[in-house]
């Protein structure tokens, strides 16, 4: 009887790895001129329409899912006012996320958000 119980416990271990939290996001940016771009980003595993999903997921993970915590790059942008609104909606690691930020231009957006909005 003991060998049967041991075999069954190996098939269904009592302590499995926890289920992965879902990260399914929509990233978009819209210029005041009317142009807009949207991509999807899925993490665990990285996928979607984003050109570099692994890097985007890693950057968002490092920021705790909050793009405001991303350290801006050390770069200079032109003082050209062409407003762009960036938005992230969806689910990050099982919790809802809705983030919006308006930047002076696309250079500022990319400088402040790293790879997240490089598409």
Protein backbone atom coordinates (compact mmCIF):
# COMPACT_ATOMS: atom_id res chain seq x y z
CA UNK A 1 0.00 0.00 0.00
CA UNK A 2 2.80 2.40 0.85
CA UNK A 3 4.40 2.18 -2.64
CA UNK A 4 1.06 3.09 -4.22
CA UNK A 5 0.62 6.15 -1.97
CA UNK A 6 4.17 7.24 -2.71
CA UNK A 7 3.59 6.93 -6.46
CA UNK A 8 0.36 8.94 -6.21
CA UNK A 9 2.06 11.69 -4.23
CA UNK A 10 4.70 12.04 -6.95
CA UNK A 11 2.01 12.41 -9.62
CA UNK A 12 0.18 15.15 -7.71
CA UNK A 13 2.68 16.98 -5.50
CA UNK A 14 0.95 18.86 -2.67
CA UNK A 15 3.09 21.95 -3.24
CA UNK A 16 3.15 22.84 -6.89
CA UNK A 17 4.43 26.05 -8.33
CA UNK A 18 1.91 28.87 -7.94
CA UNK A 19 -0.06 29.80 -11.05
CA UNK A 20 1.43 32.64 -13.04
CA UNK A 21 -0.37 35.92 -12.67
CA UNK A 22 -1.80 37.17 -15.93
CA UNK A 23 -0.25 40.21 -17.61
CA UNK A 24 -2.22 41.21 -20.67
CA UNK A 25 -1.85 44.86 -21.66
CA UNK A 26 -2.75 47.32 -24.39
CA UNK A 27 -0.22 50.10 -24.94
CA UNK A 28 -1.15 53.08 -27.08
CA UNK A 29 -0.15 56.62 -27.78
CA UNK A 30 -2.05 59.37 -29.52
CA UNK A 31 -0.69 62.61 -30.92
CA UNK A 32 -2.78 65.78 -30.85
CA UNK A 33 -2.54 65.72 -34.65
CA UNK A 34 -4.83 62.69 -34.55
CA UNK A 35 -2.42 59.85 -35.30
CA UNK A 36 -2.55 56.88 -32.95
CA UNK A 37 -0.66 53.62 -32.51
CA UNK A 38 -1.66 50.64 -30.37
CA UNK A 39 0.05 47.32 -29.60
CA UNK A 40 -0.62 44.45 -27.24
CA UNK A 41 1.86 43.16 -24.67
CA UNK A 42 1.56 39.88 -22.83
CA UNK A 43 4.04 38.79 -20.16
CA UNK A 44 4.62 35.28 -18.74
CA UNK A 45 5.72 34.46 -21.43
CA UNK A 46 6.50 37.71 -23.28
CA UNK A 47 4.47 38.03 -26.49
CA UNK A 48 2.08 40.28 -28.39
CA UNK A 49 2.42 42.95 -31.03
CA UNK A 50 5.14 44.88 -29.19
CA UNK A 51 8.45 44.71 -31.15
CA UNK A 52 10.50 43.83 -28.02
CA UNK A 53 8.07 42.15 -25.60
CA UNK A 54 10.72 40.59 -23.34
CA UNK A 55 12.47 43.93 -22.79
CA UNK A 56 9.13 45.75 -22.25
CA UNK A 57 7.96 43.14 -19.72
CA UNK A 58 11.30 43.28 -17.89
CA UNK A 59 11.20 47.06 -17.72
CA UNK A 60 7.64 47.08 -16.43
CA UNK A 61 8.50 44.38 -13.87
CA UNK A 62 11.48 46.41 -12.63
CA UNK A 63 9.12 49.38 -12.17
CA UNK A 64 6.63 47.27 -10.21
CA UNK A 65 4.05 47.67 -12.98
CA UNK A 66 4.07 51.47 -12.62
CA UNK A 67 5.55 53.34 -15.63
CA UNK A 68 5.98 56.44 -13.44
CA UNK A 69 8.78 54.54 -11.63
CA UNK A 70 10.87 54.05 -14.77
CA UNK A 71 14.12 55.99 -14.57
CA UNK A 72 14.27 58.38 -17.55
CA UNK A 73 17.16 57.98 -19.96
CA UNK A 74 19.99 60.50 -19.93
CA UNK A 75 19.11 62.15 -23.22
CA UNK A 76 18.06 65.56 -24.47
CA UNK A 77 14.90 66.24 -26.44
CA UNK A 78 14.13 69.17 -28.68
CA UNK A 79 11.93 71.89 -27.25
CA UNK A 80 9.25 71.19 -29.79
CA UNK A 81 5.68 71.14 -28.50
CA UNK A 82 3.80 68.30 -30.21
CA UNK A 83 1.82 66.69 -27.36
CA UNK A 84 1.49 62.92 -27.14
CA UNK A 85 -0.72 61.00 -24.72
CA UNK A 86 0.49 57.54 -23.72
CA UNK A 87 -1.83 54.97 -22.19
CA UNK A 88 -1.56 51.47 -20.72
CA UNK A 89 -4.68 49.48 -19.88
CA UNK A 90 -5.30 45.86 -19.02
CA UNK A 91 -4.07 43.46 -16.37
CA UNK A 92 -0.58 43.43 -14.84
CA UNK A 93 0.23 40.36 -12.73
CA UNK A 94 -3.42 39.77 -11.99
CA UNK A 95 -4.43 43.34 -11.12
CA UNK A 96 -6.11 45.94 -13.29
CA UNK A 97 -3.95 48.77 -14.55
CA UNK A 98 -5.00 52.04 -16.14
CA UNK A 99 -2.17 54.53 -16.68
CA UNK A 100 -2.23 57.71 -18.77
CA UNK A 101 0.39 60.40 -19.17
CA UNK A 102 0.67 63.39 -21.49
CA UNK A 103 4.14 64.27 -22.78
CA UNK A 104 5.34 67.39 -24.61
CA UNK A 105 6.46 65.29 -27.60
CA UNK A 106 7.29 61.71 -28.60
CA UNK A 107 10.97 62.14 -27.71
CA UNK A 108 10.03 62.93 -24.11
CA UNK A 109 7.67 59.95 -24.05
CA UNK A 110 10.37 57.53 -25.21
CA UNK A 111 12.99 59.06 -22.93
CA UNK A 112 10.72 58.69 -19.87
CA UNK A 113 9.23 55.26 -20.63
CA UNK A 114 12.20 53.40 -22.10
CA UNK A 115 11.23 50.56 -24.44
CA UNK A 116 7.55 50.52 -23.43
CA UNK A 117 6.46 52.95 -26.15
CA UNK A 118 9.12 52.26 -28.79
CA UNK A 119 6.83 50.93 -31.47
